[in-house]
Amino acid sequence: MKEAHISVPENWIVQGDFEPESGYRAMQQILNQQHRPTAVFCGGDIMAMGAICAADEMGLRVPQDISLIGYDNVRNAAISARR
């Protein structure tokens, strides 16, 4: 983001512990802000699964309403977001 000269508000950066509950709480914190990002990068697929649950509970669909990026390519991630 820095190389592309794109600023990221500090309150959009939320730390987690790589567990699904952490991704869930972080996504809630991000989505409860007045100005939401259009995309969220998670520290791994496991956190992303929790983030998807939080977005879903708030009535947001991934990827239609918000983009969500995870990585690790864990086996269950591929099927966790299918609708």
PDB file of N, CA and C in Angstrom:
ATOM      1  N   MET A   1       0.839  -1.177   0.000  1.00  0.00           N
ATOM      2  CA  MET A   1       0.000   0.000   0.000  1.00  0.00           C
ATOM      3  C   MET A   1       0.893   1.253   0.000  1.00  0.00           C
ATOM      4  N   LYS A   2       1.948   1.183   0.779  1.00  0.00           N
ATOM      5  CA  LYS A   2       2.857   2.322   0.852  1.00  0.00           C
ATOM      6  C   LYS A   2       3.486   2.602  -0.508  1.00  0.00           C
ATOM      7  N   GLU A   3       3.931   1.541  -1.189  1.00  0.00           N
ATOM      8  CA  GLU A   3       4.544   1.715  -2.506  1.00  0.00           C
ATOM      9  C   GLU A   3       3.569   2.309  -3.511  1.00  0.00           C
ATOM     10  N   ALA A   4       2.291   1.999  -3.373  1.00  0.00           N
ATOM     11  CA  ALA A   4       1.268   2.524  -4.277  1.00  0.00           C
ATOM     12  C   ALA A   4       0.744   3.877  -3.816  1.00  0.00           C
ATOM     13  N   HIS A   5       1.298   4.379  -2.713  1.00  0.00           N
ATOM     14  CA  HIS A   5       0.889   5.671  -2.140  1.00  0.00           C
ATOM     15  C   HIS A   5      -0.594   5.684  -1.770  1.00  0.00           C
ATOM     16  N   ILE A   6      -1.040   4.572  -1.212  1.00  0.00           N
ATOM     17  CA  ILE A   6      -2.420   4.460  -0.741  1.00  0.00           C
ATOM     18  C   ILE A   6      -2.385   4.469   0.777  1.00  0.00           C
ATOM     19  N   SER A   7      -3.064   5.431   1.363  1.00  0.00           N
ATOM     20  CA  SER A   7      -3.064   5.514   2.826  1.00  0.00           C
ATOM     21  C   SER A   7      -4.122   4.574   3.406  1.00  0.00           C
ATOM     22  N   VAL A   8      -3.781   3.996   4.536  1.00  0.00           N
ATOM     23  CA  VAL A   8      -4.691   3.096   5.241  1.00  0.00           C
ATOM     24  C   VAL A   8      -4.915   3.673   6.632  1.00  0.00           C
ATOM     25  N   PRO A   9      -6.158   4.008   6.987  1.00  0.00           N
ATOM     26  CA  PRO A   9      -6.416   4.534   8.329  1.00  0.00           C
ATOM     27  C   PRO A   9      -5.948   3.550   9.403  1.00  0.00           C
ATOM     28  N   GLU A  10      -5.331   4.064  10.436  1.00  0.00           N
ATOM     29  CA  GLU A  10      -4.808   3.219  11.520  1.00  0.00           C
ATOM     30  C   GLU A  10      -5.886   2.334  12.143  1.00  0.00           C
ATOM     31  N   ASN A  11      -7.125   2.836  12.224  1.00  0.00           N
ATOM     32  CA  ASN A  11      -8.182   2.042  12.857  1.00  0.00           C
ATOM     33  C   ASN A  11      -8.651   0.882  11.973  1.00  0.00           C
ATOM     34  N   TRP A  12      -8.150   0.790  10.751  1.00  0.00           N
ATOM     35  CA  TRP A  12      -8.445  -0.355   9.906  1.00  0.00           C
ATOM     36  C   TRP A  12      -7.437  -1.481  10.116  1.00  0.00           C
ATOM     37  N   ILE A  13      -6.387  -1.230  10.880  1.00  0.00           N
ATOM     38  CA  ILE A  13      -5.371  -2.246  11.155  1.00  0.00           C
ATOM     39  C   ILE A  13      -5.662  -2.838  12.526  1.00  0.00           C
ATOM     40  N   VAL A  14      -6.076  -4.095  12.542  1.00  0.00           N
ATOM     41  CA  VAL A  14      -6.475  -4.766  13.776  1.00  0.00           C
ATOM     42  C   VAL A  14      -5.639  -6.041  13.910  1.00  0.00           C
ATOM     43  N   GLN A  15      -5.030  -6.219  15.059  1.00  0.00           N
ATOM     44  CA  GLN A  15      -4.187  -7.390  15.303  1.00  0.00           C
ATOM     45  C   GLN A  15      -5.032  -8.588  15.730  1.00  0.00           C
ATOM     46  N   GLY A  16      -4.548  -9.768  15.398  1.00  0.00           N
ATOM     47  CA  GLY A  16      -5.233 -10.991  15.789  1.00  0.00           C
ATOM     48  C   GLY A  16      -4.236 -12.077  16.122  1.00  0.00           C
ATOM     49  N   ASP A  17      -4.754 -13.259  16.473  1.00  0.00           N
ATOM     50  CA  ASP A  17      -3.869 -14.362  16.856  1.00  0.00           C
ATOM     51  C   ASP A  17      -4.000 -15.568  15.923  1.00  0.00           C
ATOM     52  N   PHE A  18      -4.477 -15.355  14.724  1.00  0.00           N
ATOM     53  CA  PHE A  18      -4.546 -16.382  13.681  1.00  0.00           C
ATOM     54  C   PHE A  18      -5.586 -17.471  13.941  1.00  0.00           C
ATOM     55  N   GLU A  19      -6.496 -17.238  14.849  1.00  0.00           N
ATOM     56  CA  GLU A  19      -7.593 -18.171  15.115  1.00  0.00           C
ATOM     57  C   GLU A  19      -8.884 -17.603  14.520  1.00  0.00           C
ATOM     58  N   PRO A  20      -9.885 -18.440  14.224  1.00  0.00           N
ATOM     59  CA  PRO A  20     -11.119 -17.929  13.629  1.00  0.00           C
ATOM     60  C   PRO A  20     -11.840 -16.915  14.515  1.00  0.00           C
ATOM     61  N   GLU A  21     -11.791 -17.114  15.824  1.00  0.00           N
ATOM     62  CA  GLU A  21     -12.447 -16.162  16.737  1.00  0.00           C
ATOM     63  C   GLU A  21     -11.795 -14.791  16.647  1.00  0.00           C
ATOM     64  N   SER A  22     -10.507 -14.787  16.452  1.00  0.00           N
ATOM     65  CA  SER A  22      -9.771 -13.537  16.321  1.00  0.00           C
ATOM     66  C   SER A  22     -10.167 -12.807  15.035  1.00  0.00           C
ATOM     67  N   GLY A  23     -10.305 -13.547  13.946  1.00  0.00           N
ATOM     68  CA  GLY A  23     -10.753 -12.953  12.693  1.00  0.00           C
ATOM     69  C   GLY A  23     -12.166 -12.418  12.804  1.00  0.00           C
ATOM     70  N   TYR A  24     -13.001 -13.145  13.536  1.00  0.00           N
ATOM     71  CA  TYR A  24     -14.387 -12.727  13.770  1.00  0.00           C
ATOM     72  C   TYR A  24     -14.418 -11.396  14.526  1.00  0.00           C
ATOM     73  N   ARG A  25     -13.676 -11.326  15.637  1.00  0.00           N
ATOM     74  CA  ARG A  25     -13.659 -10.098  16.448  1.00  0.00           C
ATOM     75  C   ARG A  25     -13.048  -8.924  15.686  1.00  0.00           C
ATOM     76  N   ALA A  26     -11.988  -9.190  14.952  1.00  0.00           N
ATOM     77  CA  ALA A  26     -11.338  -8.126  14.186  1.00  0.00           C
ATOM     78  C   ALA A  26     -12.281  -7.578  13.120  1.00  0.00           C
ATOM     79  N   MET A  27     -12.991  -8.463  12.433  1.00  0.00           N
ATOM     80  CA  MET A  27     -13.919  -8.022  11.393  1.00  0.00           C
ATOM     81  C   MET A  27     -15.063  -7.226  11.999  1.00  0.00           C
ATOM     82  N   GLN A  28     -15.567  -7.655  13.145  1.00  0.00           N
ATOM     83  CA  GLN A  28     -16.611  -6.877  13.823  1.00  0.00           C
ATOM     84  C   GLN A  28     -16.110  -5.473  14.134  1.00  0.00           C
ATOM     85  N   GLN A  29     -14.901  -5.388  14.655  1.00  0.00           N
ATOM     86  CA  GLN A  29     -14.323  -4.090  15.004  1.00  0.00           C
ATOM     87  C   GLN A  29     -14.196  -3.205  13.761  1.00  0.00           C
ATOM     88  N   ILE A  30     -13.747  -3.779  12.678  1.00  0.00           N
ATOM     89  CA  ILE A  30     -13.584  -3.015  11.437  1.00  0.00           C
ATOM     90  C   ILE A  30     -14.940  -2.585  10.883  1.00  0.00           C
ATOM     91  N   LEU A  31     -15.905  -3.493  10.858  1.00  0.00           N
ATOM     92  CA  LEU A  31     -17.203  -3.188  10.251  1.00  0.00           C
ATOM     93  C   LEU A  31     -18.082  -2.299  11.114  1.00  0.00           C
ATOM     94  N   ASN A  32     -17.779  -2.173  12.387  1.00  0.00           N
ATOM     95  CA  ASN A  32     -18.545  -1.280  13.255  1.00  0.00           C
ATOM     96  C   ASN A  32     -18.075   0.168  13.174  1.00  0.00           C
ATOM     97  N   GLN A  33     -17.085   0.441  12.347  1.00  0.00           N
ATOM     98  CA  GLN A  33     -16.591   1.804  12.195  1.00  0.00           C
ATOM     99  C   GLN A  33     -17.477   2.575  11.229  1.00  0.00           C
ATOM    100  N   GLN A  34     -17.455   3.885  11.358  1.00  0.00           N
ATOM    101  CA  GLN A  34     -18.287   4.727  10.507  1.00  0.00           C
ATOM    102  C   GLN A  34     -17.882   4.598   9.035  1.00  0.00           C
ATOM    103  N   HIS A  35     -16.583   4.583   8.771  1.00  0.00           N
ATOM    104  CA  HIS A  35     -16.075   4.446   7.402  1.00  0.00           C
ATOM    105  C   HIS A  35     -15.436   3.069   7.270  1.00  0.00           C
ATOM    106  N   ARG A  36     -16.067   2.219   6.473  1.00  0.00           N
ATOM    107  CA  ARG A  36     -15.600   0.839   6.306  1.00  0.00           C
ATOM    108  C   ARG A  36     -14.700   0.724   5.076  1.00  0.00           C
ATOM    109  N   PRO A  37     -13.757  -0.206   5.128  1.00  0.00           N
ATOM    110  CA  PRO A  37     -12.981  -0.485   3.918  1.00  0.00           C
ATOM    111  C   PRO A  37     -13.826  -1.297   2.935  1.00  0.00           C
ATOM    112  N   THR A  38     -13.400  -1.332   1.692  1.00  0.00           N
ATOM    113  CA  THR A  38     -14.096  -2.145   0.693  1.00  0.00           C
ATOM    114  C   THR A  38     -13.489  -3.539   0.596  1.00  0.00           C
ATOM    115  N   ALA A  39     -12.306  -3.713   1.209  1.00  0.00           N
ATOM    116  CA  ALA A  39     -11.627  -5.010   1.212  1.00  0.00           C
ATOM    117  C   ALA A  39     -10.871  -5.174   2.522  1.00  0.00           C
ATOM    118  N   VAL A  40     -10.750  -6.419   2.972  1.00  0.00           N
ATOM    119  CA  VAL A  40     -10.031  -6.730   4.216  1.00  0.00           C
ATOM    120  C   VAL A  40      -9.032  -7.843   3.914  1.00  0.00           C
ATOM    121  N   PHE A  41      -7.795  -7.652   4.355  1.00  0.00           N
ATOM    122  CA  PHE A  41      -6.749  -8.666   4.220  1.00  0.00           C
ATOM    123  C   PHE A  41      -6.564  -9.321   5.571  1.00  0.00           C
ATOM    124  N   CYS A  42      -6.752 -10.630   5.633  1.00  0.00           N
ATOM    125  CA  CYS A  42      -6.606 -11.376   6.888  1.00  0.00           C
ATOM    126  C   CYS A  42      -5.238 -12.050   6.948  1.00  0.00           C
ATOM    127  N   GLY A  43      -4.766 -12.280   8.163  1.00  0.00           N
ATOM    128  CA  GLY A  43      -3.465 -12.897   8.376  1.00  0.00           C
ATOM    129  C   GLY A  43      -3.427 -14.376   8.080  1.00  0.00           C
ATOM    130  N   GLY A  44      -4.428 -14.913   7.428  1.00  0.00           N
ATOM    131  CA  GLY A  44      -4.463 -16.319   7.051  1.00  0.00           C
ATOM    132  C   GLY A  44      -5.889 -16.762   6.787  1.00  0.00           C
ATOM    133  N   ASP A  45      -6.020 -17.920   6.174  1.00  0.00           N
ATOM    134  CA  ASP A  45      -7.348 -18.443   5.850  1.00  0.00           C
ATOM    135  C   ASP A  45      -8.193 -18.723   7.084  1.00  0.00           C
ATOM    136  N   ILE A  46      -7.565 -19.168   8.152  1.00  0.00           N
ATOM    137  CA  ILE A  46      -8.314 -19.485   9.373  1.00  0.00           C
ATOM    138  C   ILE A  46      -8.964 -18.221   9.931  1.00  0.00           C
ATOM    139  N   MET A  47      -8.212 -17.123   9.986  1.00  0.00           N
ATOM    140  CA  MET A  47      -8.795 -15.855  10.434  1.00  0.00           C
ATOM    141  C   MET A  47      -9.879 -15.393   9.465  1.00  0.00           C
ATOM    142  N   ALA A  48      -9.653 -15.604   8.169  1.00  0.00           N
ATOM    143  CA  ALA A  48     -10.628 -15.186   7.164  1.00  0.00           C
ATOM    144  C   ALA A  48     -11.962 -15.899   7.348  1.00  0.00           C
ATOM    145  N   MET A  49     -11.927 -17.162   7.766  1.00  0.00           N
ATOM    146  CA  MET A  49     -13.179 -17.886   8.004  1.00  0.00           C
ATOM    147  C   MET A  49     -13.993 -17.219   9.111  1.00  0.00           C
ATOM    148  N   GLY A  50     -13.339 -16.775  10.167  1.00  0.00           N
ATOM    149  CA  GLY A  50     -14.032 -16.046  11.225  1.00  0.00           C
ATOM    150  C   GLY A  50     -14.543 -14.705  10.737  1.00  0.00           C
ATOM    151  N   ALA A  51     -13.747 -14.036   9.905  1.00  0.00           N
ATOM    152  CA  ALA A  51     -14.147 -12.737   9.357  1.00  0.00           C
ATOM    153  C   ALA A  51     -15.379 -12.877   8.474  1.00  0.00           C
ATOM    154  N   ILE A  52     -15.449 -13.954   7.704  1.00  0.00           N
ATOM    155  CA  ILE A  52     -16.618 -14.198   6.856  1.00  0.00           C
ATOM    156  C   ILE A  52     -17.868 -14.354   7.715  1.00  0.00           C
ATOM    157  N   CYS A  53     -17.753 -15.056   8.821  1.00  0.00           N
ATOM    158  CA  CYS A  53     -18.901 -15.231   9.728  1.00  0.00           C
ATOM    159  C   CYS A  53     -19.377 -13.889  10.268  1.00  0.00           C
ATOM    160  N   ALA A  54     -18.442 -13.033  10.662  1.00  0.00           N
ATOM    161  CA  ALA A  54     -18.815 -11.714  11.188  1.00  0.00           C
ATOM    162  C   ALA A  54     -19.497 -10.884  10.114  1.00  0.00           C
ATOM    163  N   ALA A  55     -18.958 -10.888   8.906  1.00  0.00           N
ATOM    164  CA  ALA A  55     -19.566 -10.128   7.812  1.00  0.00           C
ATOM    165  C   ALA A  55     -20.970 -10.644   7.529  1.00  0.00           C
ATOM    166  N   ASP A  56     -21.125 -11.956   7.505  1.00  0.00           N
ATOM    167  CA  ASP A  56     -22.426 -12.569   7.254  1.00  0.00           C
ATOM    168  C   ASP A  56     -23.446 -12.155   8.313  1.00  0.00           C
ATOM    169  N   GLU A  57     -23.044 -12.166   9.570  1.00  0.00           N
ATOM    170  CA  GLU A  57     -23.955 -11.765  10.650  1.00  0.00           C
ATOM    171  C   GLU A  57     -24.362 -10.303  10.548  1.00  0.00           C
ATOM    172  N   MET A  58     -23.515  -9.487   9.907  1.00  0.00           N
ATOM    173  CA  MET A  58     -23.834  -8.069   9.743  1.00  0.00           C
ATOM    174  C   MET A  58     -24.548  -7.812   8.421  1.00  0.00           C
ATOM    175  N   GLY A  59     -24.948  -8.884   7.737  1.00  0.00           N
ATOM    176  CA  GLY A  59     -25.716  -8.751   6.504  1.00  0.00           C
ATOM    177  C   GLY A  59     -24.887  -8.469   5.265  1.00  0.00           C
ATOM    178  N   LEU A  60     -23.579  -8.679   5.336  1.00  0.00           N
ATOM    179  CA  LEU A  60     -22.712  -8.445   4.184  1.00  0.00           C
ATOM    180  C   LEU A  60     -22.344  -9.768   3.529  1.00  0.00           C
ATOM    181  N   ARG A  61     -22.320  -9.758   2.207  1.00  0.00           N
ATOM    182  CA  ARG A  61     -21.956 -10.954   1.453  1.00  0.00           C
ATOM    183  C   ARG A  61     -20.549 -10.790   0.884  1.00  0.00           C
ATOM    184  N   VAL A  62     -19.758 -11.835   1.021  1.00  0.00           N
ATOM    185  CA  VAL A  62     -18.417 -11.851   0.450  1.00  0.00           C
ATOM    186  C   VAL A  62     -18.505 -12.660  -0.840  1.00  0.00           C
ATOM    187  N   PRO A  63     -18.110 -12.177  -1.976  1.00  0.00           N
ATOM    188  CA  PRO A  63     -17.434 -10.929  -2.279  1.00  0.00           C
ATOM    189  C   PRO A  63     -18.343  -9.821  -2.800  1.00  0.00           C
ATOM    190  N   GLN A  64     -19.643 -10.033  -2.830  1.00  0.00           N
ATOM    191  CA  GLN A  64     -20.544  -9.041  -3.417  1.00  0.00           C
ATOM    192  C   GLN A  64     -20.490  -7.697  -2.698  1.00  0.00           C
ATOM    193  N   ASP A  65     -20.477  -7.706  -1.362  1.00  0.00           N
ATOM    194  CA  ASP A  65     -20.533  -6.464  -0.594  1.00  0.00           C
ATOM    195  C   ASP A  65     -19.175  -6.025  -0.054  1.00  0.00           C
ATOM    196  N   ILE A  66     -18.306  -6.956   0.225  1.00  0.00           N
ATOM    197  CA  ILE A  66     -16.971  -6.652   0.738  1.00  0.00           C
ATOM    198  C   ILE A  66     -16.020  -7.752   0.267  1.00  0.00           C
ATOM    199  N   SER A  67     -14.829  -7.341  -0.114  1.00  0.00           N
ATOM    200  CA  SER A  67     -13.811  -8.312  -0.538  1.00  0.00           C
ATOM    201  C   SER A  67     -13.035  -8.774   0.678  1.00  0.00           C
ATOM    202  N   LEU A  68     -12.656 -10.030   0.681  1.00  0.00           N
ATOM    203  CA  LEU A  68     -11.920 -10.598   1.809  1.00  0.00           C
ATOM    204  C   LEU A  68     -10.789 -11.455   1.271  1.00  0.00           C
ATOM    205  N   ILE A  69      -9.595 -11.197   1.768  1.00  0.00           N
ATOM    206  CA  ILE A  69      -8.409 -11.903   1.302  1.00  0.00           C
ATOM    207  C   ILE A  69      -7.804 -12.677   2.455  1.00  0.00           C
ATOM    208  N   GLY A  70      -7.573 -13.940   2.234  1.00  0.00           N
ATOM    209  CA  GLY A  70      -6.851 -14.772   3.184  1.00  0.00           C
ATOM    210  C   GLY A  70      -5.756 -15.481   2.413  1.00  0.00           C
ATOM    211  N   TYR A  71      -4.890 -16.142   3.100  1.00  0.00           N
ATOM    212  CA  TYR A  71      -3.877 -16.939   2.413  1.00  0.00           C
ATOM    213  C   TYR A  71      -3.496 -18.117   3.287  1.00  0.00           C
ATOM    214  N   ASP A  72      -2.825 -19.066   2.777  1.00  0.00           N
ATOM    215  CA  ASP A  72      -2.377 -20.316   3.387  1.00  0.00           C
ATOM    216  C   ASP A  72      -2.888 -21.474   2.553  1.00  0.00           C
ATOM    217  N   ASN A  73      -4.047 -21.276   1.908  1.00  0.00           N
ATOM    218  CA  ASN A  73      -4.658 -22.320   1.105  1.00  0.00           C
ATOM    219  C   ASN A  73      -4.968 -23.568   1.930  1.00  0.00           C
ATOM    220  N   VAL A  74      -5.515 -23.334   3.133  1.00  0.00           N
ATOM    221  CA  VAL A  74      -5.906 -24.486   3.944  1.00  0.00           C
ATOM    222  C   VAL A  74      -7.107 -25.171   3.292  1.00  0.00           C
ATOM    223  N   ARG A  75      -7.195 -26.446   3.466  1.00  0.00           N
ATOM    224  CA  ARG A  75      -8.191 -27.262   2.771  1.00  0.00           C
ATOM    225  C   ARG A  75      -9.628 -26.786   2.994  1.00  0.00           C
ATOM    226  N   ASN A  76     -10.002 -26.483   4.212  1.00  0.00           N
ATOM    227  CA  ASN A  76     -11.387 -26.111   4.516  1.00  0.00           C
ATOM    228  C   ASN A  76     -11.761 -24.715   4.044  1.00  0.00           C
ATOM    229  N   ALA A  77     -10.794 -23.872   3.757  1.00  0.00           N
ATOM    230  CA  ALA A  77     -11.100 -22.507   3.333  1.00  0.00           C
ATOM    231  C   ALA A  77     -11.854 -22.491   2.009  1.00  0.00           C
ATOM    232  N   ALA A  78     -11.534 -23.389   1.127  1.00  0.00           N
ATOM    233  CA  ALA A  78     -12.170 -23.413  -0.189  1.00  0.00           C
ATOM    234  C   ALA A  78     -13.668 -23.681  -0.111  1.00  0.00           C
ATOM    235  N   ILE A  79     -14.108 -24.394   0.898  1.00  0.00           N
ATOM    236  CA  ILE A  79     -15.534 -24.722   0.987  1.00  0.00           C
ATOM    237  C   ILE A  79     -16.272 -23.898   2.028  1.00  0.00           C
ATOM    238  N   SER A  80     -15.565 -23.144   2.844  1.00  0.00           N
ATOM    239  CA  SER A  80     -16.225 -22.434   3.944  1.00  0.00           C
ATOM    240  C   SER A  80     -17.069 -21.266   3.481  1.00  0.00           C
ATOM    241  N   ALA A  81     -16.765 -20.674   2.335  1.00  0.00           N
ATOM    242  CA  ALA A  81     -17.485 -19.483   1.900  1.00  0.00           C
ATOM    243  C   ALA A  81     -18.444 -19.756   0.752  1.00  0.00           C
ATOM    244  N   ARG A  82     -18.563 -20.966   0.332  1.00  0.00           N
ATOM    245  CA  ARG A  82     -19.451 -21.263  -0.795  1.00  0.00           C
ATOM    246  C   ARG A  82     -20.899 -21.121  -0.374  1.00  0.00           C
ATOM    247  N   ARG A  83     -21.685 -20.513  -1.230  1.00  0.00           N
ATOM    248  CA  ARG A  83     -23.102 -20.301  -0.937  1.00  0.00           C
ATOM    249  C   ARG A  83     -23.937 -20.872  -2.043  1.00  0.00           C
TER     250      ARG A  83
END
